[in-house]
Each structure stands twice: as C-alpha cells, then as structure tokens.
PDB file of N, CA and C in Angstrom:
ATOM      1  N   MET A   1     199.175 182.889  18.783  1.00  0.00           N
ATOM      2  CA  MET A   1     197.871 183.367  18.214  1.00  0.00           C
ATOM      3  C   MET A   1     197.020 182.288  17.369  1.00  0.00           C
ATOM      4  N   PRO A   2     195.933 182.080  17.550  1.00  0.00           N
ATOM      5  CA  PRO A   2     195.167 181.187  16.666  1.00  0.00           C
ATOM      6  C   PRO A   2     195.035 181.702  15.489  1.00  0.00           C
ATOM      7  N   ARG A   3     194.916 180.780  14.387  1.00  0.00           N
ATOM      8  CA  ARG A   3     194.671 180.901  13.129  1.00  0.00           C
ATOM      9  C   ARG A   3     193.371 180.827  12.655  1.00  0.00           C
ATOM     10  N   PHE A   4     193.175 181.483  11.621  1.00  0.00           N
ATOM     11  CA  PHE A   4     191.855 181.049  10.501  1.00  0.00           C
ATOM     12  C   PHE A   4     192.325 181.006   9.139  1.00  0.00           C
ATOM     13  N   VAL A   5     191.344 180.418   8.491  1.00  0.00           N
ATOM     14  CA  VAL A   5     191.607 180.283   6.951  1.00  0.00           C
ATOM     15  C   VAL A   5     190.057 180.366   6.420  1.00  0.00           C
ATOM     16  N   ILE A   6     190.207 180.981   5.003  1.00  0.00           N
ATOM     17  CA  ILE A   6     188.913 180.913   4.266  1.00  0.00           C
ATOM     18  C   ILE A   6     189.309 180.245   3.018  1.00  0.00           C
ATOM     19  N   LEU A   7     188.501 179.188   2.870  1.00  0.00           N
ATOM     20  CA  LEU A   7     188.786 178.549   1.661  1.00  0.00           C
ATOM     21  C   LEU A   7     187.692 178.573   0.617  1.00  0.00           C
ATOM     22  N   GLU A   8     188.065 178.812  -0.565  1.00  0.00           N
ATOM     23  CA  GLU A   8     186.931 178.664  -1.708  1.00  0.00           C
ATOM     24  C   GLU A   8     186.641 177.055  -1.945  1.00  0.00           C
ATOM     25  N   HIS A   9     185.349 176.834  -1.855  1.00  0.00           N
ATOM     26  CA  HIS A   9     185.100 175.329  -2.158  1.00  0.00           C
ATOM     27  C   HIS A   9     183.898 175.363  -3.219  1.00  0.00           C
ATOM     28  N   ASP A  10     184.181 174.506  -3.898  1.00  0.00           N
ATOM     29  CA  ASP A  10     183.343 174.358  -5.385  1.00  0.00           C
ATOM     30  C   ASP A  10     182.295 173.179  -5.212  1.00  0.00           C
ATOM     31  N   HIS A  11     181.927 172.839  -4.004  1.00  0.00           N
ATOM     32  CA  HIS A  11     180.942 171.704  -3.807  1.00  0.00           C
ATOM     33  C   HIS A  11     179.838 171.970  -2.549  1.00  0.00           C
ATOM     34  N   PRO A  12     178.734 171.818  -2.802  1.00  0.00           N
ATOM     35  CA  PRO A  12     178.094 171.512  -4.164  1.00  0.00           C
ATOM     36  C   PRO A  12     177.849 172.728  -4.786  1.00  0.00           C
ATOM     37  N   ALA A  13     177.955 173.813  -4.522  1.00  0.00           N
ATOM     38  CA  ALA A  13     177.853 175.038  -5.160  1.00  0.00           C
ATOM     39  C   ALA A  13     179.153 175.631  -4.561  1.00  0.00           C
ATOM     40  N   LEU A  14     179.501 176.702  -5.425  1.00  0.00           N
ATOM     41  CA  LEU A  14     180.547 177.650  -4.930  1.00  0.00           C
ATOM     42  C   LEU A  14     180.196 178.445  -3.798  1.00  0.00           C
ATOM     43  N   HIS A  15     181.169 178.141  -2.683  1.00  0.00           N
ATOM     44  CA  HIS A  15     180.971 179.136  -1.181  1.00  0.00           C
ATOM     45  C   HIS A  15     182.415 179.141  -0.793  1.00  0.00           C
ATOM     46  N   TRP A  16     182.466 180.049   0.490  1.00  0.00           N
ATOM     47  CA  TRP A  16     183.442 180.036   1.009  1.00  0.00           C
ATOM     48  C   TRP A  16     183.666 179.538   2.421  1.00  0.00           C
ATOM     49  N   ASP A  17     184.412 178.778   2.797  1.00  0.00           N
ATOM     50  CA  ASP A  17     184.490 178.007   4.350  1.00  0.00           C
ATOM     51  C   ASP A  17     185.208 178.884   5.194  1.00  0.00           C
ATOM     52  N   PHE A  18     184.810 179.587   6.293  1.00  0.00           N
ATOM     53  CA  PHE A  18     185.345 180.307   6.881  1.00  0.00           C
ATOM     54  C   PHE A  18     185.740 179.639   8.346  1.00  0.00           C
ATOM     55  N   MET A  19     186.933 179.364   8.657  1.00  0.00           N
ATOM     56  CA  MET A  19     187.446 178.345   9.836  1.00  0.00           C
ATOM     57  C   MET A  19     188.227 179.159  10.819  1.00  0.00           C
ATOM     58  N   LEU A  20     187.715 178.993  12.169  1.00  0.00           N
ATOM     59  CA  LEU A  20     188.736 179.349  13.271  1.00  0.00           C
ATOM     60  C   LEU A  20     189.003 178.381  13.961  1.00  0.00           C
ATOM     61  N   GLU A  21     190.632 178.632  14.433  1.00  0.00           N
ATOM     62  CA  GLU A  21     191.053 177.385  15.287  1.00  0.00           C
ATOM     63  C   GLU A  21     190.639 177.479  16.559  1.00  0.00           C
ATOM     64  N   ALA A  22     190.012 176.474  17.279  1.00  0.00           N
ATOM     65  CA  ALA A  22     189.442 176.385  18.409  1.00  0.00           C
ATOM     66  C   ALA A  22     189.782 175.415  19.181  1.00  0.00           C
ATOM     67  N   GLY A  23     191.068 175.350  19.959  1.00  0.00           N
ATOM     68  CA  GLY A  23     191.575 174.026  20.670  1.00  0.00           C
ATOM     69  C   GLY A  23     191.805 173.222  19.337  1.00  0.00           C
ATOM     70  N   PRO A  24     191.276 171.745  19.597  1.00  0.00           N
ATOM     71  CA  PRO A  24     191.777 170.671  18.602  1.00  0.00           C
ATOM     72  C   PRO A  24     190.807 170.756  17.312  1.00  0.00           C
ATOM     73  N   ALA A  25     190.219 171.941  17.035  1.00  0.00           N
ATOM     74  CA  ALA A  25     189.094 171.593  15.899  1.00  0.00           C
ATOM     75  C   ALA A  25     188.870 173.132  15.393  1.00  0.00           C
ATOM     76  N   LEU A  26     188.421 173.078  14.091  1.00  0.00           N
ATOM     77  CA  LEU A  26     188.090 174.190  13.581  1.00  0.00           C
ATOM     78  C   LEU A  26     186.735 174.462  13.669  1.00  0.00           C
ATOM     79  N   ARG A  27     186.490 175.903  14.235  1.00  0.00           N
ATOM     80  CA  ARG A  27     184.864 176.136  14.002  1.00  0.00           C
ATOM     81  C   ARG A  27     184.737 176.552  12.688  1.00  0.00           C
ATOM     82  N   THR A  28     183.572 176.227  12.090  1.00  0.00           N
ATOM     83  CA  THR A  28     183.462 176.484  10.509  1.00  0.00           C
ATOM     84  C   THR A  28     182.137 176.957  10.288  1.00  0.00           C
ATOM     85  N   TRP A  29     181.938 177.980   9.270  1.00  0.00           N
ATOM     86  CA  TRP A  29     180.738 178.671   8.675  1.00  0.00           C
ATOM     87  C   TRP A  29     180.965 178.605   7.137  1.00  0.00           C
ATOM     88  N   ARG A  30     180.088 178.393   6.445  1.00  0.00           N
ATOM     89  CA  ARG A  30     179.753 178.318   5.038  1.00  0.00           C
ATOM     90  C   ARG A  30     179.328 179.718   4.847  1.00  0.00           C
ATOM     91  N   LEU A  31     180.379 180.511   3.900  1.00  0.00           N
ATOM     92  CA  LEU A  31     179.589 181.869   3.506  1.00  0.00           C
ATOM     93  C   LEU A  31     179.186 182.003   2.202  1.00  0.00           C
ATOM     94  N   ALA A  32     178.146 182.808   1.763  1.00  0.00           N
ATOM     95  CA  ALA A  32     177.785 182.846   0.451  1.00  0.00           C
ATOM     96  C   ALA A  32     178.559 183.553  -0.607  1.00  0.00           C
ATOM     97  N   ALA A  33     179.428 184.270   0.208  1.00  0.00           N
ATOM     98  CA  ALA A  33     180.297 185.242  -0.805  1.00  0.00           C
ATOM     99  C   ALA A  33     181.556 185.216   0.186  1.00  0.00           C
ATOM    100  N   PRO A  34     182.732 185.757  -0.412  1.00  0.00           N
ATOM    101  CA  PRO A  34     183.891 186.225   0.413  1.00  0.00           C
ATOM    102  C   PRO A  34     183.566 187.426   1.201  1.00  0.00           C
ATOM    103  N   PRO A  35     184.266 187.468   2.660  1.00  0.00           N
ATOM    104  CA  PRO A  35     183.843 188.781   3.239  1.00  0.00           C
ATOM    105  C   PRO A  35     184.539 190.013   2.903  1.00  0.00           C
ATOM    106  N   ALA A  36     183.732 191.236   2.786  1.00  0.00           N
ATOM    107  CA  ALA A  36     184.368 192.170   2.346  1.00  0.00           C
ATOM    108  C   ALA A  36     183.749 193.373   3.326  1.00  0.00           C
ATOM    109  N   PRO A  37     184.649 194.336   3.490  1.00  0.00           N
ATOM    110  CA  PRO A  37     184.480 195.427   4.275  1.00  0.00           C
ATOM    111  C   PRO A  37     183.018 196.126   4.272  1.00  0.00           C
ATOM    112  N   GLY A  38     182.200 196.302   5.195  1.00  0.00           N
ATOM    113  CA  GLY A  38     180.905 196.773   5.232  1.00  0.00           C
ATOM    114  C   GLY A  38     179.817 196.108   4.473  1.00  0.00           C
ATOM    115  N   ILE A  39     180.025 194.681   4.080  1.00  0.00           N
ATOM    116  CA  ILE A  39     179.184 194.028   3.466  1.00  0.00           C
ATOM    117  C   ILE A  39     178.664 192.841   4.276  1.00  0.00           C
ATOM    118  N   THR A  40     177.417 192.320   4.501  1.00  0.00           N
ATOM    119  CA  THR A  40     176.991 191.445   5.316  1.00  0.00           C
ATOM    120  C   THR A  40     176.668 190.194   4.336  1.00  0.00           C
ATOM    121  N   VAL A  41     177.271 189.281   4.897  1.00  0.00           N
ATOM    122  CA  VAL A  41     177.295 187.973   4.090  1.00  0.00           C
ATOM    123  C   VAL A  41     176.367 186.768   4.820  1.00  0.00           C
ATOM    124  N   ALA A  42     175.486 185.954   4.164  1.00  0.00           N
ATOM    125  CA  ALA A  42     174.620 185.080   4.749  1.00  0.00           C
ATOM    126  C   ALA A  42     175.951 184.125   5.276  1.00  0.00           C
ATOM    127  N   ALA A  43     175.754 183.328   6.311  1.00  0.00           N
ATOM    128  CA  ALA A  43     176.693 182.281   6.780  1.00  0.00           C
ATOM    129  C   ALA A  43     175.749 181.289   7.528  1.00  0.00           C
ATOM    130  N   GLU A  44     176.281 180.109   7.374  1.00  0.00           N
ATOM    131  CA  GLU A  44     175.609 178.821   7.720  1.00  0.00           C
ATOM    132  C   GLU A  44     176.611 178.065   8.733  1.00  0.00           C
ATOM    133  N   PRO A  45     176.401 177.762   9.796  1.00  0.00           N
ATOM    134  CA  PRO A  45     177.326 176.848  10.708  1.00  0.00           C
ATOM    135  C   PRO A  45     177.554 175.660  10.175  1.00  0.00           C
ATOM    136  N   LEU A  46     178.555 174.962  10.041  1.00  0.00           N
ATOM    137  CA  LEU A  46     178.751 173.711  10.023  1.00  0.00           C
ATOM    138  C   LEU A  46     179.471 173.022  11.043  1.00  0.00           C
ATOM    139  N   PRO A  47     179.713 171.657  10.799  1.00  0.00           N
ATOM    140  CA  PRO A  47     180.304 170.862  11.909  1.00  0.00           C
ATOM    141  C   PRO A  47     181.698 171.124  11.970  1.00  0.00           C
ATOM    142  N   ASP A  48     182.090 171.255  13.162  1.00  0.00           N
ATOM    143  CA  ASP A  48     183.786 171.520  13.374  1.00  0.00           C
ATOM    144  C   ASP A  48     184.662 170.576  12.370  1.00  0.00           C
ATOM    145  N   HIS A  49     185.740 171.312  11.705  1.00  0.00           N
ATOM    146  CA  HIS A  49     186.489 170.558  10.863  1.00  0.00           C
ATOM    147  C   HIS A  49     187.907 170.149  11.371  1.00  0.00           C
ATOM    148  N   ARG A  50     188.620 169.493  10.651  1.00  0.00           N
ATOM    149  CA  ARG A  50     189.970 169.068  11.311  1.00  0.00           C
ATOM    150  C   ARG A  50     191.051 170.329  11.098  1.00  0.00           C
ATOM    151  N   PRO A  51     192.045 170.351  11.966  1.00  0.00           N
ATOM    152  CA  PRO A  51     192.868 171.357  11.855  1.00  0.00           C
ATOM    153  C   PRO A  51     193.655 171.354  10.572  1.00  0.00           C
ATOM    154  N   ALA A  52     193.737 170.167   9.889  1.00  0.00           N
ATOM    155  CA  ALA A  52     194.636 170.014   8.863  1.00  0.00           C
ATOM    156  C   ALA A  52     194.242 171.096   7.693  1.00  0.00           C
ATOM    157  N   TYR A  53     193.026 171.380   7.839  1.00  0.00           N
ATOM    158  CA  TYR A  53     192.519 172.377   6.860  1.00  0.00           C
ATOM    159  C   TYR A  53     193.275 173.813   6.715  1.00  0.00           C
ATOM    160  N   LEU A  54     193.827 173.919   7.931  1.00  0.00           N
ATOM    161  CA  LEU A  54     194.567 175.333   8.049  1.00  0.00           C
ATOM    162  C   LEU A  54     195.589 175.528   7.155  1.00  0.00           C
ATOM    163  N   ASP A  55     196.055 174.285   6.517  1.00  0.00           N
ATOM    164  CA  ASP A  55     197.147 174.299   5.297  1.00  0.00           C
ATOM    165  C   ASP A  55     196.844 173.587   4.175  1.00  0.00           C
ATOM    166  N   TYR A  56     195.749 172.917   4.292  1.00  0.00           N
ATOM    167  CA  TYR A  56     195.402 172.178   2.932  1.00  0.00           C
ATOM    168  C   TYR A  56     194.585 172.893   1.712  1.00  0.00           C
ATOM    169  N   GLU A  57     195.112 172.533   0.660  1.00  0.00           N
ATOM    170  CA  GLU A  57     194.552 172.728  -0.728  1.00  0.00           C
ATOM    171  C   GLU A  57     194.418 171.543  -1.435  1.00  0.00           C
ATOM    172  N   GLY A  58     193.111 171.419  -2.170  1.00  0.00           N
ATOM    173  CA  GLY A  58     193.192 170.123  -3.143  1.00  0.00           C
ATOM    174  C   GLY A  58     191.851 169.378  -2.955  1.00  0.00           C
ATOM    175  N   PRO A  59     191.731 168.155  -3.497  1.00  0.00           N
ATOM    176  CA  PRO A  59     190.395 167.581  -3.281  1.00  0.00           C
ATOM    177  C   PRO A  59     190.002 167.210  -2.062  1.00  0.00           C
ATOM    178  N   VAL A  60     188.740 167.190  -1.750  1.00  0.00           N
ATOM    179  CA  VAL A  60     188.270 167.037  -0.466  1.00  0.00           C
ATOM    180  C   VAL A  60     187.339 165.475  -0.620  1.00  0.00           C
ATOM    181  N   SER A  61     187.823 164.602   0.491  1.00  0.00           N
ATOM    182  CA  SER A  61     187.471 163.352   0.242  1.00  0.00           C
ATOM    183  C   SER A  61     185.958 163.199   0.129  1.00  0.00           C
ATOM    184  N   GLY A  62     185.503 161.985  -0.414  1.00  0.00           N
ATOM    185  CA  GLY A  62     184.174 161.704  -0.623  1.00  0.00           C
ATOM    186  C   GLY A  62     183.572 162.371  -1.798  1.00  0.00           C
ATOM    187  N   ASN A  63     184.502 162.871  -2.958  1.00  0.00           N
ATOM    188  CA  ASN A  63     183.966 163.664  -4.052  1.00  0.00           C
ATOM    189  C   ASN A  63     183.252 164.629  -3.622  1.00  0.00           C
ATOM    190  N   ARG A  64     183.796 165.461  -2.796  1.00  0.00           N
ATOM    191  CA  ARG A  64     183.031 166.735  -2.090  1.00  0.00           C
ATOM    192  C   ARG A  64     183.850 167.998  -2.495  1.00  0.00           C
ATOM    193  N   GLY A  65     184.438 168.035  -3.958  1.00  0.00           N
ATOM    194  CA  GLY A  65     184.847 168.972  -4.615  1.00  0.00           C
ATOM    195  C   GLY A  65     186.234 169.208  -4.301  1.00  0.00           C
ATOM    196  N   THR A  66     186.663 170.430  -4.288  1.00  0.00           N
ATOM    197  CA  THR A  66     188.090 171.055  -4.235  1.00  0.00           C
ATOM    198  C   THR A  66     188.026 172.134  -3.494  1.00  0.00           C
ATOM    199  N   VAL A  67     189.005 172.356  -2.550  1.00  0.00           N
ATOM    200  CA  VAL A  67     189.224 173.686  -1.876  1.00  0.00           C
ATOM    201  C   VAL A  67     190.637 174.325  -1.977  1.00  0.00           C
ATOM    202  N   MET A  68     190.522 175.792  -2.133  1.00  0.00           N
ATOM    203  CA  MET A  68     191.792 176.491  -2.280  1.00  0.00           C
ATOM    204  C   MET A  68     191.839 177.751  -1.375  1.00  0.00           C
ATOM    205  N   ARG A  69     192.938 177.913  -1.035  1.00  0.00           N
ATOM    206  CA  ARG A  69     193.161 179.010   0.178  1.00  0.00           C
ATOM    207  C   ARG A  69     192.780 180.256  -0.705  1.00  0.00           C
ATOM    208  N   TRP A  70     191.713 180.944  -0.104  1.00  0.00           N
ATOM    209  CA  TRP A  70     191.430 182.451  -0.238  1.00  0.00           C
ATOM    210  C   TRP A  70     192.279 183.368   0.445  1.00  0.00           C
ATOM    211  N   ASP A  71     192.170 183.153   1.883  1.00  0.00           N
ATOM    212  CA  ASP A  71     192.790 184.154   2.653  1.00  0.00           C
ATOM    213  C   ASP A  71     193.238 182.962   4.013  1.00  0.00           C
ATOM    214  N   GLY A  72     194.085 183.683   4.742  1.00  0.00           N
ATOM    215  CA  GLY A  72     194.477 183.072   6.050  1.00  0.00           C
ATOM    216  C   GLY A  72     195.382 184.106   6.901  1.00  0.00           C
ATOM    217  N   GLY A  73     195.133 183.623   8.310  1.00  0.00           N
ATOM    218  CA  GLY A  73     196.362 184.345   9.065  1.00  0.00           C
ATOM    219  C   GLY A  73     196.073 184.023  10.485  1.00  0.00           C
ATOM    220  N   THR A  74     196.164 184.979  11.352  1.00  0.00           N
ATOM    221  CA  THR A  74     195.791 185.042  12.633  1.00  0.00           C
ATOM    222  C   THR A  74     194.714 185.593  13.080  1.00  0.00           C
ATOM    223  N   PHE A  75     194.272 185.376  14.318  1.00  0.00           N
ATOM    224  CA  PHE A  75     192.945 186.313  14.867  1.00  0.00           C
ATOM    225  C   PHE A  75     193.132 186.143  16.337  1.00  0.00           C
ATOM    226  N   ALA A  76     192.259 187.050  16.867  1.00  0.00           N
ATOM    227  CA  ALA A  76     192.239 187.244  18.472  1.00  0.00           C
ATOM    228  C   ALA A  76     190.574 187.091  18.628  1.00  0.00           C
ATOM    229  N   TRP A  77     190.192 186.151  19.698  1.00  0.00           N
ATOM    230  CA  TRP A  77     188.983 186.215  20.323  1.00  0.00           C
ATOM    231  C   TRP A  77     188.451 187.629  20.963  1.00  0.00           C
ATOM    232  N   GLU A  78     187.402 188.123  20.443  1.00  0.00           N
ATOM    233  CA  GLU A  78     186.506 189.317  21.228  1.00  0.00           C
ATOM    234  C   GLU A  78     185.390 188.862  22.007  1.00  0.00           C
ATOM    235  N   GLU A  79     184.692 188.128  21.314  1.00  0.00           N
ATOM    236  CA  GLU A  79     183.508 187.599  21.834  1.00  0.00           C
ATOM    237  C   GLU A  79     183.232 186.092  21.276  1.00  0.00           C
ATOM    238  N   ASP A  80     182.614 185.521  22.146  1.00  0.00           N
ATOM    239  CA  ASP A  80     182.291 184.308  21.961  1.00  0.00           C
ATOM    240  C   ASP A  80     181.100 183.757  22.631  1.00  0.00           C
ATOM    241  N   GLY A  81     179.934 184.210  22.393  1.00  0.00           N
ATOM    242  CA  GLY A  81     178.686 183.961  23.280  1.00  0.00           C
ATOM    243  C   GLY A  81     177.532 183.124  22.411  1.00  0.00           C
ATOM    244  N   ASP A  82     176.547 182.784  23.011  1.00  0.00           N
ATOM    245  CA  ASP A  82     175.471 182.106  22.390  1.00  0.00           C
ATOM    246  C   ASP A  82     174.762 183.140  21.209  1.00  0.00           C
ATOM    247  N   GLY A  83     174.864 182.796  20.067  1.00  0.00           N
ATOM    248  CA  GLY A  83     174.479 183.437  18.893  1.00  0.00           C
ATOM    249  C   GLY A  83     175.359 184.508  18.454  1.00  0.00           C
ATOM    250  N   ARG A  84     176.591 184.665  19.029  1.00  0.00           N
ATOM    251  CA  ARG A  84     177.352 185.925  18.302  1.00  0.00           C
ATOM    252  C   ARG A  84     178.785 185.562  18.651  1.00  0.00           C
ATOM    253  N   VAL A  85     179.637 185.691  17.810  1.00  0.00           N
ATOM    254  CA  VAL A  85     181.134 185.489  17.755  1.00  0.00           C
ATOM    255  C   VAL A  85     181.780 186.637  17.175  1.00  0.00           C
ATOM    256  N   ALA A  86     182.822 187.439  17.751  1.00  0.00           N
ATOM    257  CA  ALA A  86     183.683 188.524  17.099  1.00  0.00           C
ATOM    258  C   ALA A  86     184.931 188.212  17.192  1.00  0.00           C
ATOM    259  N   VAL A  87     185.441 188.290  16.365  1.00  0.00           N
ATOM    260  CA  VAL A  87     186.985 188.127  16.301  1.00  0.00           C
ATOM    261  C   VAL A  87     187.764 189.219  15.554  1.00  0.00           C
ATOM    262  N   ARG A  88     189.073 189.540  15.742  1.00  0.00           N
ATOM    263  CA  ARG A  88     189.725 190.435  15.072  1.00  0.00           C
ATOM    264  C   ARG A  88     190.886 189.605  14.090  1.00  0.00           C
ATOM    265  N   LEU A  89     190.654 189.902  12.814  1.00  0.00           N
ATOM    266  CA  LEU A  89     191.418 189.276  11.755  1.00  0.00           C
ATOM    267  C   LEU A  89     192.559 189.791  11.305  1.00  0.00           C
ATOM    268  N   GLU A  90     193.874 188.948  11.230  1.00  0.00           N
ATOM    269  CA  GLU A  90     194.979 189.705  10.610  1.00  0.00           C
ATOM    270  C   GLU A  90     195.233 188.728   9.281  1.00  0.00           C
ATOM    271  N   GLY A  91     194.719 188.888   8.198  1.00  0.00           N
ATOM    272  CA  GLY A  91     194.973 188.075   7.137  1.00  0.00           C
ATOM    273  C   GLY A  91     195.874 188.886   6.044  1.00  0.00           C
ATOM    274  N   ARG A  92     196.028 188.046   4.755  1.00  0.00           N
ATOM    275  CA  ARG A  92     196.357 188.785   3.680  1.00  0.00           C
ATOM    276  C   ARG A  92     195.624 189.803   3.175  1.00  0.00           C
ATOM    277  N   LYS A  93     194.296 189.320   3.071  1.00  0.00           N
ATOM    278  CA  LYS A  93     193.297 190.038   2.343  1.00  0.00           C
ATOM    279  C   LYS A  93     192.337 190.732   3.228  1.00  0.00           C
ATOM    280  N   VAL A  94     192.119 189.830   4.348  1.00  0.00           N
ATOM    281  CA  VAL A  94     190.912 190.163   5.365  1.00  0.00           C
ATOM    282  C   VAL A  94     191.551 190.643   6.626  1.00  0.00           C
ATOM    283  N   ARG A  95     191.222 192.045   7.061  1.00  0.00           N
ATOM    284  CA  ARG A  95     191.898 192.482   8.152  1.00  0.00           C
ATOM    285  C   ARG A  95     191.102 193.349   8.880  1.00  0.00           C
ATOM    286  N   GLY A  96     190.588 193.264   9.975  1.00  0.00           N
ATOM    287  CA  GLY A  96     189.694 193.899  10.628  1.00  0.00           C
ATOM    288  C   GLY A  96     188.783 192.884  11.839  1.00  0.00           C
ATOM    289  N   ARG A  97     187.812 193.694  12.352  1.00  0.00           N
ATOM    290  CA  ARG A  97     186.954 192.748  13.290  1.00  0.00           C
ATOM    291  C   ARG A  97     185.792 192.333  12.129  1.00  0.00           C
ATOM    292  N   ALA A  98     185.504 190.864  12.582  1.00  0.00           N
ATOM    293  CA  ALA A  98     184.507 189.987  12.007  1.00  0.00           C
ATOM    294  C   ALA A  98     183.604 189.670  13.143  1.00  0.00           C
ATOM    295  N   VAL A  99     182.285 189.975  12.796  1.00  0.00           N
ATOM    296  CA  VAL A  99     181.244 189.485  13.786  1.00  0.00           C
ATOM    297  C   VAL A  99     180.193 188.507  12.856  1.00  0.00           C
ATOM    298  N   LEU A 100     180.045 187.212  13.478  1.00  0.00           N
ATOM    299  CA  LEU A 100     179.353 186.300  13.119  1.00  0.00           C
ATOM    300  C   LEU A 100     177.949 186.408  14.117  1.00  0.00           C
ATOM    301  N   ALA A 101     176.792 186.523  13.746  1.00  0.00           N
ATOM    302  CA  ALA A 101     175.589 186.893  14.500  1.00  0.00           C
ATOM    303  C   ALA A 101     174.382 186.022  14.009  1.00  0.00           C
ATOM    304  N   ARG A 102     173.646 185.665  15.002  1.00  0.00           N
ATOM    305  CA  ARG A 102     172.651 184.864  14.511  1.00  0.00           C
ATOM    306  C   ARG A 102     171.231 185.840  14.813  1.00  0.00           C
ATOM    307  N   GLY A 103     170.470 185.911  13.604  1.00  0.00           N
ATOM    308  CA  GLY A 103     169.154 186.744  13.730  1.00  0.00           C
ATOM    309  C   GLY A 103     168.178 186.218  14.384  1.00  0.00           C
ATOM    310  N   ALA A 104     167.174 186.723  14.363  1.00  0.00           N
ATOM    311  CA  ALA A 104     165.813 186.455  15.317  1.00  0.00           C
ATOM    312  C   ALA A 104     165.216 185.253  14.581  1.00  0.00           C
ATOM    313  N   ALA A 105     165.521 185.088  13.287  1.00  0.00           N
ATOM    314  CA  ALA A 105     164.800 183.874  12.707  1.00  0.00           C
ATOM    315  C   ALA A 105     165.884 182.791  12.564  1.00  0.00           C
ATOM    316  N   GLY A 106     166.809 182.782  13.415  1.00  0.00           N
ATOM    317  CA  GLY A 106     167.954 181.649  13.318  1.00  0.00           C
ATOM    318  C   GLY A 106     168.983 181.663  12.481  1.00  0.00           C
ATOM    319  N   GLU A 107     168.887 182.569  11.313  1.00  0.00           N
ATOM    320  CA  GLU A 107     170.006 182.597  10.440  1.00  0.00           C
ATOM    321  C   GLU A 107     171.015 183.368  10.598  1.00  0.00           C
ATOM    322  N   TRP A 108     172.385 182.956  10.407  1.00  0.00           N
ATOM    323  CA  TRP A 108     173.609 183.519  10.612  1.00  0.00           C
ATOM    324  C   TRP A 108     173.984 184.309   9.541  1.00  0.00           C
ATOM    325  N   ALA A 109     174.763 185.596   9.757  1.00  0.00           N
ATOM    326  CA  ALA A 109     175.472 186.393   8.882  1.00  0.00           C
ATOM    327  C   ALA A 109     176.642 186.936   9.328  1.00  0.00           C
ATOM    328  N   LEU A 110     177.853 187.171   8.858  1.00  0.00           N
ATOM    329  CA  LEU A 110     179.087 187.688   8.780  1.00  0.00           C
ATOM    330  C   LEU A 110     179.229 189.104   8.198  1.00  0.00           C
ATOM    331  N   ARG A 111     179.695 190.029   9.252  1.00  0.00           N
ATOM    332  CA  ARG A 111     179.930 191.342   8.796  1.00  0.00           C
ATOM    333  C   ARG A 111     181.302 191.815   9.113  1.00  0.00           C
ATOM    334  N   LEU A 112     182.049 192.154   8.045  1.00  0.00           N
ATOM    335  CA  LEU A 112     183.489 192.542   8.265  1.00  0.00           C
ATOM    336  C   LEU A 112     183.625 193.971   8.553  1.00  0.00           C
ATOM    337  N   GLU A 113     184.236 194.754   9.603  1.00  0.00           N
ATOM    338  CA  GLU A 113     184.510 196.008   9.711  1.00  0.00           C
ATOM    339  C   GLU A 113     185.934 196.306   9.445  1.00  0.00           C
ATOM    340  N   ALA A 114     186.136 197.062   8.601  1.00  0.00           N
ATOM    341  CA  ALA A 114     187.671 197.275   8.274  1.00  0.00           C
ATOM    342  C   ALA A 114     188.247 198.010   8.992  1.00  0.00           C
ATOM    343  N   GLU A 115     189.662 197.622   9.073  1.00  0.00           N
ATOM    344  CA  GLU A 115     190.508 198.657  10.109  1.00  0.00           C
ATOM    345  C   GLU A 115     190.517 199.792   9.544  1.00  0.00           C
ATOM    346  N   GLY A 116     190.538 200.905  10.376  1.00  0.00           N
ATOM    347  CA  GLY A 116     190.381 202.280  10.023  1.00  0.00           C
ATOM    348  C   GLY A 116     191.689 203.162  10.366  1.00  0.00           C
TER     349      GLY A 116
END
C-alpha cells in the first residue's frame, strides 16, 4: 500500500504538508489547518516532494523551518482526476476518506469524511 504523511511545518507560517506517495515522488498540498472529520480545510498544491519526507523530521534545507510528523500511515487511491483526488487514509490520527477538490475559482480544499 502507498504511504502518506502529514507534517507540521513552521515556515513561512505554521501549516501542514499533506503528502501522498505517487511513484517516485510525493504529491503535496499545503493545508491551512490539520484535517479533522467534517471540516473543510483550505489546501494549496505544491511541487512534488522527495519520498524521504515520509520518514523525515527536522530542519528543512535552505532555512525553510522545521517539519514534525503530525500523522502518517497508508492509503488507497479512489479517484485521481483533473481537479479532484480522493483517497482512503489509514493513519494513527486520520482515518477515512479524504477528498481534495478544486473549486470554480481555482482554489483547492480538503475534506475528511470520518470512518463510520
């Protein structure tokens, strides 16, 4: 199963990096807040990251702050289309279906549907 990680990152301001293992890279979004069931969180797509971040905590090169693991685990792809990604997460804190969707104005958001 592919892995995911959510890193708390303190630079340039506090945010959470949501990373999904996708072949040789991690698809990444910057979240304004940690995901929680039933809450919609603003998300910003970022360039792909190195897989090393699946297991890394510590300083980020180039004086770009520090990352700390907030959660991690495995996931299964459910959708991966233009403007919409859905995955089923099995983490320590986060479990359930997560949907990343691009709105009409181009903004992205993540919504976590709790396991029932």
